[in-house]
mmCIF file of all heavy atoms, coordinates in Angstrom:
data_MODEL
# 
_entry.id   MODEL 
# 
loop_
_atom_site.group_PDB 
_atom_site.id 
_atom_site.type_symbol 
_atom_site.label_atom_id 
_atom_site.label_alt_id 
_atom_site.label_comp_id 
_atom_site.label_asym_id 
_atom_site.label_entity_id 
_atom_site.label_seq_id 
_atom_site.pdbx_PDB_ins_code 
_atom_site.Cartn_x 
_atom_site.Cartn_y 
_atom_site.Cartn_z 
_atom_site.occupancy 
_atom_site.B_iso_or_equiv 
_atom_site.pdbx_formal_charge 
_atom_site.auth_seq_id 
_atom_site.auth_comp_id 
_atom_site.auth_asym_id 
_atom_site.auth_atom_id 
_atom_site.pdbx_PDB_model_num 
ATOM 1   N N   . SER A 1 1  ? -52.737 9.981   47.516 1.00 0.00 ? 1  SER A N   1 
ATOM 2   C CA  . SER A 1 1  ? -52.579 8.848   46.506 1.00 0.00 ? 1  SER A CA  1 
ATOM 3   C C   . SER A 1 1  ? -51.575 9.231   45.440 1.00 0.00 ? 1  SER A C   1 
ATOM 4   O O   . SER A 1 1  ? -51.361 8.507   44.484 1.00 0.00 ? 1  SER A O   1 
ATOM 5   C CB  . SER A 1 1  ? -53.983 8.653   45.874 1.00 0.00 ? 1  SER A CB  1 
ATOM 6   O OG  . SER A 1 1  ? -54.391 9.767   45.176 1.00 0.00 ? 1  SER A OG  1 
ATOM 7   N N   . ASP A 1 2  ? -50.886 10.384  45.523 1.00 0.00 ? 2  ASP A N   1 
ATOM 8   C CA  . ASP A 1 2  ? -49.942 10.796  44.496 1.00 0.00 ? 2  ASP A CA  1 
ATOM 9   C C   . ASP A 1 2  ? -48.836 9.796   44.270 1.00 0.00 ? 2  ASP A C   1 
ATOM 10  O O   . ASP A 1 2  ? -48.584 9.452   43.068 1.00 0.00 ? 2  ASP A O   1 
ATOM 11  C CB  . ASP A 1 2  ? -49.362 12.183  44.817 1.00 0.00 ? 2  ASP A CB  1 
ATOM 12  C CG  . ASP A 1 2  ? -50.367 13.363  44.673 1.00 0.00 ? 2  ASP A CG  1 
ATOM 13  O OD1 . ASP A 1 2  ? -51.455 13.085  44.195 1.00 0.00 ? 2  ASP A OD1 1 
ATOM 14  O OD2 . ASP A 1 2  ? -50.019 14.448  45.009 1.00 0.00 ? 2  ASP A OD2 1 
ATOM 15  N N   . LEU A 1 3  ? -48.176 9.359   45.333 1.00 0.00 ? 3  LEU A N   1 
ATOM 16  C CA  . LEU A 1 3  ? -47.061 8.391   45.180 1.00 0.00 ? 3  LEU A CA  1 
ATOM 17  C C   . LEU A 1 3  ? -47.574 7.090   44.583 1.00 0.00 ? 3  LEU A C   1 
ATOM 18  O O   . LEU A 1 3  ? -46.924 6.484   43.694 1.00 0.00 ? 3  LEU A O   1 
ATOM 19  C CB  . LEU A 1 3  ? -46.384 8.254   46.473 1.00 0.00 ? 3  LEU A CB  1 
ATOM 20  C CG  . LEU A 1 3  ? -45.084 7.428   46.472 1.00 0.00 ? 3  LEU A CG  1 
ATOM 21  C CD1 . LEU A 1 3  ? -44.092 8.092   45.492 1.00 0.00 ? 3  LEU A CD1 1 
ATOM 22  C CD2 . LEU A 1 3  ? -44.498 7.272   47.873 1.00 0.00 ? 3  LEU A CD2 1 
ATOM 23  N N   . GLY A 1 4  ? -48.679 6.618   45.020 1.00 0.00 ? 4  GLY A N   1 
ATOM 24  C CA  . GLY A 1 4  ? -49.241 5.402   44.432 1.00 0.00 ? 4  GLY A CA  1 
ATOM 25  C C   . GLY A 1 4  ? -49.619 5.519   42.991 1.00 0.00 ? 4  GLY A C   1 
ATOM 26  O O   . GLY A 1 4  ? -49.399 4.628   42.200 1.00 0.00 ? 4  GLY A O   1 
ATOM 27  N N   . THR A 1 5  ? -50.112 6.723   42.605 1.00 0.00 ? 5  THR A N   1 
ATOM 28  C CA  . THR A 1 5  ? -50.456 6.980   41.193 1.00 0.00 ? 5  THR A CA  1 
ATOM 29  C C   . THR A 1 5  ? -49.167 6.935   40.330 1.00 0.00 ? 5  THR A C   1 
ATOM 30  O O   . THR A 1 5  ? -49.157 6.361   39.281 1.00 0.00 ? 5  THR A O   1 
ATOM 31  C CB  . THR A 1 5  ? -51.182 8.340   41.049 1.00 0.00 ? 5  THR A CB  1 
ATOM 32  O OG1 . THR A 1 5  ? -52.331 8.349   41.894 1.00 0.00 ? 5  THR A OG1 1 
ATOM 33  C CG2 . THR A 1 5  ? -51.521 8.583   39.649 1.00 0.00 ? 5  THR A CG2 1 
ATOM 34  N N   . ALA A 1 6  ? -48.110 7.519   40.807 1.00 0.00 ? 6  ALA A N   1 
ATOM 35  C CA  . ALA A 1 6  ? -46.854 7.577   40.052 1.00 0.00 ? 6  ALA A CA  1 
ATOM 36  C C   . ALA A 1 6  ? -46.291 6.157   39.904 1.00 0.00 ? 6  ALA A C   1 
ATOM 37  O O   . ALA A 1 6  ? -45.826 5.758   38.793 1.00 0.00 ? 6  ALA A O   1 
ATOM 38  C CB  . ALA A 1 6  ? -45.865 8.519   40.737 1.00 0.00 ? 6  ALA A CB  1 
ATOM 39  N N   . PHE A 1 7  ? -46.315 5.410   40.992 1.00 0.00 ? 7  PHE A N   1 
ATOM 40  C CA  . PHE A 1 7  ? -45.802 4.022   40.920 1.00 0.00 ? 7  PHE A CA  1 
ATOM 41  C C   . PHE A 1 7  ? -46.621 3.117   39.997 1.00 0.00 ? 7  PHE A C   1 
ATOM 42  O O   . PHE A 1 7  ? -46.081 2.293   39.267 1.00 0.00 ? 7  PHE A O   1 
ATOM 43  C CB  . PHE A 1 7  ? -45.754 3.427   42.334 1.00 0.00 ? 7  PHE A CB  1 
ATOM 44  C CG  . PHE A 1 7  ? -44.505 3.666   43.087 1.00 0.00 ? 7  PHE A CG  1 
ATOM 45  C CD1 . PHE A 1 7  ? -44.521 4.228   44.368 1.00 0.00 ? 7  PHE A CD1 1 
ATOM 46  C CD2 . PHE A 1 7  ? -43.231 3.403   42.520 1.00 0.00 ? 7  PHE A CD2 1 
ATOM 47  C CE1 . PHE A 1 7  ? -43.346 4.489   45.042 1.00 0.00 ? 7  PHE A CE1 1 
ATOM 48  C CE2 . PHE A 1 7  ? -42.080 3.663   43.194 1.00 0.00 ? 7  PHE A CE2 1 
ATOM 49  C CZ  . PHE A 1 7  ? -42.131 4.210   44.485 1.00 0.00 ? 7  PHE A CZ  1 
ATOM 50  N N   . ALA A 1 8  ? -47.929 3.326   39.971 1.00 0.00 ? 8  ALA A N   1 
ATOM 51  C CA  . ALA A 1 8  ? -48.780 2.550   39.084 1.00 0.00 ? 8  ALA A CA  1 
ATOM 52  C C   . ALA A 1 8  ? -48.471 2.884   37.587 1.00 0.00 ? 8  ALA A C   1 
ATOM 53  O O   . ALA A 1 8  ? -48.417 1.937   36.801 1.00 0.00 ? 8  ALA A O   1 
ATOM 54  C CB  . ALA A 1 8  ? -50.254 2.811   39.429 1.00 0.00 ? 8  ALA A CB  1 
ATOM 55  N N   . LEU A 1 9  ? -48.325 4.146   37.341 1.00 0.00 ? 9  LEU A N   1 
ATOM 56  C CA  . LEU A 1 9  ? -47.950 4.546   35.941 1.00 0.00 ? 9  LEU A CA  1 
ATOM 57  C C   . LEU A 1 9  ? -46.597 3.984   35.529 1.00 0.00 ? 9  LEU A C   1 
ATOM 58  O O   . LEU A 1 9  ? -46.439 3.482   34.434 1.00 0.00 ? 9  LEU A O   1 
ATOM 59  C CB  . LEU A 1 9  ? -48.032 6.052   35.804 1.00 0.00 ? 9  LEU A CB  1 
ATOM 60  C CG  . LEU A 1 9  ? -49.422 6.760   35.934 1.00 0.00 ? 9  LEU A CG  1 
ATOM 61  C CD1 . LEU A 1 9  ? -49.213 8.269   36.004 1.00 0.00 ? 9  LEU A CD1 1 
ATOM 62  C CD2 . LEU A 1 9  ? -50.285 6.352   34.762 1.00 0.00 ? 9  LEU A CD2 1 
ATOM 63  N N   . LEU A 1 10 ? -45.600 4.126   36.437 1.00 0.00 ? 10 LEU A N   1 
ATOM 64  C CA  . LEU A 1 10 ? -44.281 3.636   36.075 1.00 0.00 ? 10 LEU A CA  1 
ATOM 65  C C   . LEU A 1 10 ? -44.241 2.161   35.985 1.00 0.00 ? 10 LEU A C   1 
ATOM 66  O O   . LEU A 1 10 ? -43.610 1.551   35.048 1.00 0.00 ? 10 LEU A O   1 
ATOM 67  C CB  . LEU A 1 10 ? -43.220 4.069   37.127 1.00 0.00 ? 10 LEU A CB  1 
ATOM 68  C CG  . LEU A 1 10 ? -42.944 5.634   37.181 1.00 0.00 ? 10 LEU A CG  1 
ATOM 69  C CD1 . LEU A 1 10 ? -42.106 5.965   38.381 1.00 0.00 ? 10 LEU A CD1 1 
ATOM 70  C CD2 . LEU A 1 10 ? -42.329 6.093   35.892 1.00 0.00 ? 10 LEU A CD2 1 
ATOM 71  N N   . SER A 1 11 ? -44.996 1.432   36.755 1.00 0.00 ? 11 SER A N   1 
ATOM 72  C CA  . SER A 1 11 ? -45.063 -0.059  36.809 1.00 0.00 ? 11 SER A CA  1 
ATOM 73  C C   . SER A 1 11 ? -45.613 -0.525  35.448 1.00 0.00 ? 11 SER A C   1 
ATOM 74  O O   . SER A 1 11 ? -45.105 -1.459  34.875 1.00 0.00 ? 11 SER A O   1 
ATOM 75  C CB  . SER A 1 11 ? -45.835 -0.507  37.980 1.00 0.00 ? 11 SER A CB  1 
ATOM 76  O OG  . SER A 1 11 ? -46.001 -1.916  37.929 1.00 0.00 ? 11 SER A OG  1 
ATOM 77  N N   . SER A 1 12 ? -46.702 0.168   34.949 1.00 0.00 ? 12 SER A N   1 
ATOM 78  C CA  . SER A 1 12 ? -47.306 -0.243  33.726 1.00 0.00 ? 12 SER A CA  1 
ATOM 79  C C   . SER A 1 12 ? -46.393 0.103   32.550 1.00 0.00 ? 12 SER A C   1 
ATOM 80  O O   . SER A 1 12 ? -46.279 -0.689  31.594 1.00 0.00 ? 12 SER A O   1 
ATOM 81  C CB  . SER A 1 12 ? -48.598 0.459   33.600 1.00 0.00 ? 12 SER A CB  1 
ATOM 82  O OG  . SER A 1 12 ? -49.254 0.101   32.325 1.00 0.00 ? 12 SER A OG  1 
ATOM 83  N N   . TYR A 1 13 ? -45.700 1.268   32.620 1.00 0.00 ? 13 TYR A N   1 
ATOM 84  C CA  . TYR A 1 13 ? -44.825 1.699   31.546 1.00 0.00 ? 13 TYR A CA  1 
ATOM 85  C C   . TYR A 1 13 ? -43.668 0.735   31.372 1.00 0.00 ? 13 TYR A C   1 
ATOM 86  O O   . TYR A 1 13 ? -43.297 0.348   30.236 1.00 0.00 ? 13 TYR A O   1 
ATOM 87  C CB  . TYR A 1 13 ? -44.334 3.096   31.762 1.00 0.00 ? 13 TYR A CB  1 
ATOM 88  C CG  . TYR A 1 13 ? -43.447 3.653   30.717 1.00 0.00 ? 13 TYR A CG  1 
ATOM 89  C CD1 . TYR A 1 13 ? -44.050 4.224   29.556 1.00 0.00 ? 13 TYR A CD1 1 
ATOM 90  C CD2 . TYR A 1 13 ? -42.102 3.590   30.766 1.00 0.00 ? 13 TYR A CD2 1 
ATOM 91  C CE1 . TYR A 1 13 ? -43.276 4.751   28.498 1.00 0.00 ? 13 TYR A CE1 1 
ATOM 92  C CE2 . TYR A 1 13 ? -41.270 4.080   29.773 1.00 0.00 ? 13 TYR A CE2 1 
ATOM 93  C CZ  . TYR A 1 13 ? -41.926 4.702   28.645 1.00 0.00 ? 13 TYR A CZ  1 
ATOM 94  O OH  . TYR A 1 13 ? -41.103 5.246   27.589 1.00 0.00 ? 13 TYR A OH  1 
ATOM 95  N N   . PHE A 1 14 ? -43.001 0.352   32.483 1.00 0.00 ? 14 PHE A N   1 
ATOM 96  C CA  . PHE A 1 14 ? -41.842 -0.573  32.379 1.00 0.00 ? 14 PHE A CA  1 
ATOM 97  C C   . PHE A 1 14 ? -42.295 -2.031  32.449 1.00 0.00 ? 14 PHE A C   1 
ATOM 98  O O   . PHE A 1 14 ? -41.377 -2.898  32.314 1.00 0.00 ? 14 PHE A O   1 
ATOM 99  C CB  . PHE A 1 14 ? -40.882 -0.280  33.547 1.00 0.00 ? 14 PHE A CB  1 
ATOM 100 C CG  . PHE A 1 14 ? -40.204 1.057   33.502 1.00 0.00 ? 14 PHE A CG  1 
ATOM 101 C CD1 . PHE A 1 14 ? -40.491 2.038   34.450 1.00 0.00 ? 14 PHE A CD1 1 
ATOM 102 C CD2 . PHE A 1 14 ? -39.329 1.317   32.462 1.00 0.00 ? 14 PHE A CD2 1 
ATOM 103 C CE1 . PHE A 1 14 ? -39.856 3.297   34.329 1.00 0.00 ? 14 PHE A CE1 1 
ATOM 104 C CE2 . PHE A 1 14 ? -38.683 2.536   32.345 1.00 0.00 ? 14 PHE A CE2 1 
ATOM 105 C CZ  . PHE A 1 14 ? -38.967 3.526   33.339 1.00 0.00 ? 14 PHE A CZ  1 
ATOM 106 N N   . GLN A 1 15 ? -43.543 -2.336  32.671 1.00 0.00 ? 15 GLN A N   1 
ATOM 107 C CA  . GLN A 1 15 ? -44.054 -3.707  32.805 1.00 0.00 ? 15 GLN A CA  1 
ATOM 108 C C   . GLN A 1 15 ? -43.298 -4.485  33.867 1.00 0.00 ? 15 GLN A C   1 
ATOM 109 O O   . GLN A 1 15 ? -42.913 -5.671  33.699 1.00 0.00 ? 15 GLN A O   1 
ATOM 110 C CB  . GLN A 1 15 ? -43.957 -4.432  31.505 1.00 0.00 ? 15 GLN A CB  1 
ATOM 111 C CG  . GLN A 1 15 ? -45.116 -4.087  30.493 1.00 0.00 ? 15 GLN A CG  1 
ATOM 112 C CD  . GLN A 1 15 ? -46.505 -4.423  31.131 1.00 0.00 ? 15 GLN A CD  1 
ATOM 113 O OE1 . GLN A 1 15 ? -46.817 -5.650  31.213 1.00 0.00 ? 15 GLN A OE1 1 
ATOM 114 N NE2 . GLN A 1 15 ? -47.307 -3.458  31.413 1.00 0.00 ? 15 GLN A NE2 1 
ATOM 115 N N   . GLU A 1 16 ? -43.077 -3.764  34.961 1.00 0.00 ? 16 GLU A N   1 
ATOM 116 C CA  . GLU A 1 16 ? -42.365 -4.369  36.109 1.00 0.00 ? 16 GLU A CA  1 
ATOM 117 C C   . GLU A 1 16 ? -43.347 -4.163  37.365 1.00 0.00 ? 16 GLU A C   1 
ATOM 118 O O   . GLU A 1 16 ? -43.677 -3.044  37.666 1.00 0.00 ? 16 GLU A O   1 
ATOM 119 C CB  . GLU A 1 16 ? -41.005 -3.710  36.393 1.00 0.00 ? 16 GLU A CB  1 
ATOM 120 C CG  . GLU A 1 16 ? -39.989 -3.960  35.323 1.00 0.00 ? 16 GLU A CG  1 
ATOM 121 C CD  . GLU A 1 16 ? -39.431 -5.350  35.484 1.00 0.00 ? 16 GLU A CD  1 
ATOM 122 O OE1 . GLU A 1 16 ? -39.625 -5.980  36.576 1.00 0.00 ? 16 GLU A OE1 1 
ATOM 123 O OE2 . GLU A 1 16 ? -38.826 -5.825  34.523 1.00 0.00 ? 16 GLU A OE2 1 
ATOM 124 N N   . PRO A 1 17 ? -43.676 -5.226  37.986 1.00 0.00 ? 17 PRO A N   1 
ATOM 125 C CA  . PRO A 1 17 ? -44.488 -5.055  39.243 1.00 0.00 ? 17 PRO A CA  1 
ATOM 126 C C   . PRO A 1 17 ? -43.725 -4.452  40.393 1.00 0.00 ? 17 PRO A C   1 
ATOM 127 O O   . PRO A 1 17 ? -42.527 -4.536  40.480 1.00 0.00 ? 17 PRO A O   1 
ATOM 128 C CB  . PRO A 1 17 ? -44.932 -6.457  39.586 1.00 0.00 ? 17 PRO A CB  1 
ATOM 129 C CG  . PRO A 1 17 ? -43.838 -7.315  39.040 1.00 0.00 ? 17 PRO A CG  1 
ATOM 130 C CD  . PRO A 1 17 ? -43.313 -6.642  37.767 1.00 0.00 ? 17 PRO A CD  1 
ATOM 131 N N   . LEU A 1 18 ? -44.500 -3.766  41.261 1.00 0.00 ? 18 LEU A N   1 
ATOM 132 C CA  . LEU A 1 18 ? -43.865 -3.274  42.549 1.00 0.00 ? 18 LEU A CA  1 
ATOM 133 C C   . LEU A 1 18 ? -43.503 -4.396  43.431 1.00 0.00 ? 18 LEU A C   1 
ATOM 134 O O   . LEU A 1 18 ? -43.962 -5.547  43.256 1.00 0.00 ? 18 LEU A O   1 
ATOM 135 C CB  . LEU A 1 18 ? -44.824 -2.354  43.204 1.00 0.00 ? 18 LEU A CB  1 
ATOM 136 C CG  . LEU A 1 18 ? -45.080 -1.017  42.472 1.00 0.00 ? 18 LEU A CG  1 
ATOM 137 C CD1 . LEU A 1 18 ? -46.251 -0.237  43.186 1.00 0.00 ? 18 LEU A CD1 1 
ATOM 138 C CD2 . LEU A 1 18 ? -43.905 -0.133  42.398 1.00 0.00 ? 18 LEU A CD2 1 
ATOM 139 N N   . PRO A 1 19 ? -42.685 -4.186  44.437 1.00 0.00 ? 19 PRO A N   1 
ATOM 140 C CA  . PRO A 1 19 ? -42.387 -5.202  45.428 1.00 0.00 ? 19 PRO A CA  1 
ATOM 141 C C   . PRO A 1 19 ? -43.668 -5.788  46.011 1.00 0.00 ? 19 PRO A C   1 
ATOM 142 O O   . PRO A 1 19 ? -44.611 -5.024  46.316 1.00 0.00 ? 19 PRO A O   1 
ATOM 143 C CB  . PRO A 1 19 ? -41.571 -4.521  46.463 1.00 0.00 ? 19 PRO A CB  1 
ATOM 144 C CG  . PRO A 1 19 ? -40.914 -3.408  45.762 1.00 0.00 ? 19 PRO A CG  1 
ATOM 145 C CD  . PRO A 1 19 ? -41.903 -2.939  44.704 1.00 0.00 ? 19 PRO A CD  1 
ATOM 146 N N   . GLU A 1 20 ? -43.714 -7.110  46.167 1.00 0.00 ? 20 GLU A N   1 
ATOM 147 C CA  . GLU A 1 20 ? -44.918 -7.747  46.643 1.00 0.00 ? 20 GLU A CA  1 
ATOM 148 C C   . GLU A 1 20 ? -45.229 -7.268  48.049 1.00 0.00 ? 20 GLU A C   1 
ATOM 149 O O   . GLU A 1 20 ? -44.297 -7.118  48.893 1.00 0.00 ? 20 GLU A O   1 
ATOM 150 C CB  . GLU A 1 20 ? -44.783 -9.234  46.565 1.00 0.00 ? 20 GLU A CB  1 
ATOM 151 C CG  . GLU A 1 20 ? -46.071 -10.033 46.830 1.00 0.00 ? 20 GLU A CG  1 
ATOM 152 C CD  . GLU A 1 20 ? -45.986 -11.489 46.545 1.00 0.00 ? 20 GLU A CD  1 
ATOM 153 O OE1 . GLU A 1 20 ? -44.821 -11.936 46.193 1.00 0.00 ? 20 GLU A OE1 1 
ATOM 154 O OE2 . GLU A 1 20 ? -46.952 -12.207 46.601 1.00 0.00 ? 20 GLU A OE2 1 
ATOM 155 N N   . LYS A 1 21 ? -46.512 -7.141  48.355 1.00 0.00 ? 21 LYS A N   1 
ATOM 156 C CA  . LYS A 1 21 ? -47.044 -6.722  49.699 1.00 0.00 ? 21 LYS A CA  1 
ATOM 157 C C   . LYS A 1 21 ? -46.425 -5.366  50.097 1.00 0.00 ? 21 LYS A C   1 
ATOM 158 O O   . LYS A 1 21 ? -45.959 -5.146  51.238 1.00 0.00 ? 21 LYS A O   1 
ATOM 159 C CB  . LYS A 1 21 ? -46.692 -7.756  50.774 1.00 0.00 ? 21 LYS A CB  1 
ATOM 160 C CG  . LYS A 1 21 ? -47.375 -9.083  50.540 1.00 0.00 ? 21 LYS A CG  1 
ATOM 161 C CD  . LYS A 1 21 ? -47.077 -10.101 51.602 1.00 0.00 ? 21 LYS A CD  1 
ATOM 162 C CE  . LYS A 1 21 ? -47.770 -11.414 51.372 1.00 0.00 ? 21 LYS A CE  1 
ATOM 163 N NZ  . LYS A 1 21 ? -47.461 -12.422 52.429 1.00 0.00 ? 21 LYS A NZ  1 
ATOM 164 N N   . SER A 1 22 ? -46.413 -4.446  49.130 1.00 0.00 ? 22 SER A N   1 
ATOM 165 C CA  . SER A 1 22 ? -45.908 -3.064  49.401 1.00 0.00 ? 22 SER A CA  1 
ATOM 166 C C   . SER A 1 22 ? -47.031 -2.094  49.349 1.00 0.00 ? 22 SER A C   1 
ATOM 167 O O   . SER A 1 22 ? -48.010 -2.298  48.638 1.00 0.00 ? 22 SER A O   1 
ATOM 168 C CB  . SER A 1 22 ? -44.789 -2.696  48.431 1.00 0.00 ? 22 SER A CB  1 
ATOM 169 O OG  . SER A 1 22 ? -45.279 -2.656  47.112 1.00 0.00 ? 22 SER A OG  1 
ATOM 170 N N   . ILE A 1 23 ? -46.899 -0.953  49.996 1.00 0.00 ? 23 ILE A N   1 
ATOM 171 C CA  . ILE A 1 23 ? -47.947 0.108   49.975 1.00 0.00 ? 23 ILE A CA  1 
ATOM 172 C C   . ILE A 1 23 ? -47.223 1.434   49.782 1.00 0.00 ? 23 ILE A C   1 
ATOM 173 O O   . ILE A 1 23 ? -46.160 1.693   50.405 1.00 0.00 ? 23 ILE A O   1 
ATOM 174 C CB  . ILE A 1 23 ? -48.798 0.051   51.263 1.00 0.00 ? 23 ILE A CB  1 
ATOM 175 C CG1 . ILE A 1 23 ? -49.946 1.012   51.195 1.00 0.00 ? 23 ILE A CG1 1 
ATOM 176 C CG2 . ILE A 1 23 ? -47.966 0.300   52.497 1.00 0.00 ? 23 ILE A CG2 1 
ATOM 177 C CD1 . ILE A 1 23 ? -50.934 0.880   52.314 1.00 0.00 ? 23 ILE A CD1 1 
ATOM 178 N N   . ALA A 1 24 ? -47.764 2.315   48.968 1.00 0.00 ? 24 ALA A N   1 
ATOM 179 C CA  . ALA A 1 24 ? -47.203 3.625   48.643 1.00 0.00 ? 24 ALA A CA  1 
ATOM 180 C C   . ALA A 1 24 ? -48.026 4.715   49.413 1.00 0.00 ? 24 ALA A C   1 
ATOM 181 O O   . ALA A 1 24 ? -49.248 4.838   49.193 1.00 0.00 ? 24 ALA A O   1 
ATOM 182 C CB  . ALA A 1 24 ? -47.165 3.866   47.178 1.00 0.00 ? 24 ALA A CB  1 
ATOM 183 N N   . LEU A 1 25 ? -47.281 5.520   50.182 1.00 0.00 ? 25 LEU A N   1 
ATOM 184 C CA  . LEU A 1 25 ? -47.953 6.560   50.988 1.00 0.00 ? 25 LEU A CA  1 
ATOM 185 C C   . LEU A 1 25 ? -47.093 7.881   50.844 1.00 0.00 ? 25 LEU A C   1 
ATOM 186 O O   . LEU A 1 25 ? -46.039 7.930   51.454 1.00 0.00 ? 25 LEU A O   1 
ATOM 187 C CB  . LEU A 1 25 ? -48.052 6.203   52.445 1.00 0.00 ? 25 LEU A CB  1 
ATOM 188 C CG  . LEU A 1 25 ? -48.770 4.863   52.771 1.00 0.00 ? 25 LEU A CG  1 
ATOM 189 C CD1 . LEU A 1 25 ? -48.591 4.500   54.239 1.00 0.00 ? 25 LEU A CD1 1 
ATOM 190 C CD2 . LEU A 1 25 ? -50.270 4.979   52.474 1.00 0.00 ? 25 LEU A CD2 1 
ATOM 191 N N   . GLY A 1 26 ? -47.614 8.798   50.062 1.00 0.00 ? 26 GLY A N   1 
ATOM 192 C CA  . GLY A 1 26 ? -46.877 10.039  49.858 1.00 0.00 ? 26 GLY A CA  1 
ATOM 193 C C   . GLY A 1 26 ? -47.552 10.952  48.863 1.00 0.00 ? 26 GLY A C   1 
ATOM 194 O O   . GLY A 1 26 ? -48.368 10.569  48.157 1.00 0.00 ? 26 GLY A O   1 
ATOM 195 N N   . GLU A 1 27 ? -47.117 12.189  49.000 1.00 0.00 ? 27 GLU A N   1 
ATOM 196 C CA  . GLU A 1 27 ? -47.649 13.258  48.103 1.00 0.00 ? 27 GLU A CA  1 
ATOM 197 C C   . GLU A 1 27 ? -46.450 13.787  47.215 1.00 0.00 ? 27 GLU A C   1 
ATOM 198 O O   . GLU A 1 27 ? -45.317 13.777  47.630 1.00 0.00 ? 27 GLU A O   1 
ATOM 199 C CB  . GLU A 1 27 ? -48.164 14.421  48.916 1.00 0.00 ? 27 GLU A CB  1 
ATOM 200 C CG  . GLU A 1 27 ? -48.800 15.637  48.154 1.00 0.00 ? 27 GLU A CG  1 
ATOM 201 C CD  . GLU A 1 27 ? -49.245 16.738  48.987 1.00 0.00 ? 27 GLU A CD  1 
ATOM 202 O OE1 . GLU A 1 27 ? -49.354 16.488  50.220 1.00 0.00 ? 27 GLU A OE1 1 
ATOM 203 O OE2 . GLU A 1 27 ? -49.575 17.775  48.436 1.00 0.00 ? 27 GLU A OE2 1 
ATOM 204 N N   . ILE A 1 28 ? -46.806 14.157  46.017 1.00 0.00 ? 28 ILE A N   1 
ATOM 205 C CA  . ILE A 1 28 ? -45.751 14.649  45.078 1.00 0.00 ? 28 ILE A CA  1 
ATOM 206 C C   . ILE A 1 28 ? -45.997 16.100  44.750 1.00 0.00 ? 28 ILE A C   1 
ATOM 207 O O   . ILE A 1 28 ? -47.154 16.494  44.384 1.00 0.00 ? 28 ILE A O   1 
ATOM 208 C CB  . ILE A 1 28 ? -45.756 13.818  43.771 1.00 0.00 ? 28 ILE A CB  1 
ATOM 209 C CG1 . ILE A 1 28 ? -45.445 12.351  44.065 1.00 0.00 ? 28 ILE A CG1 1 
ATOM 210 C CG2 . ILE A 1 28 ? -44.718 14.382  42.801 1.00 0.00 ? 28 ILE A CG2 1 
ATOM 211 C CD1 . ILE A 1 28 ? -45.450 11.489  42.844 1.00 0.00 ? 28 ILE A CD1 1 
# 
């Protein structure tokens, strides 16, 4: 869940949603 966690934090910080119907799968 590392990559998804990073994307969620960045998305909230920049107030920009991720691409619609996307899924994050990766380790940091």
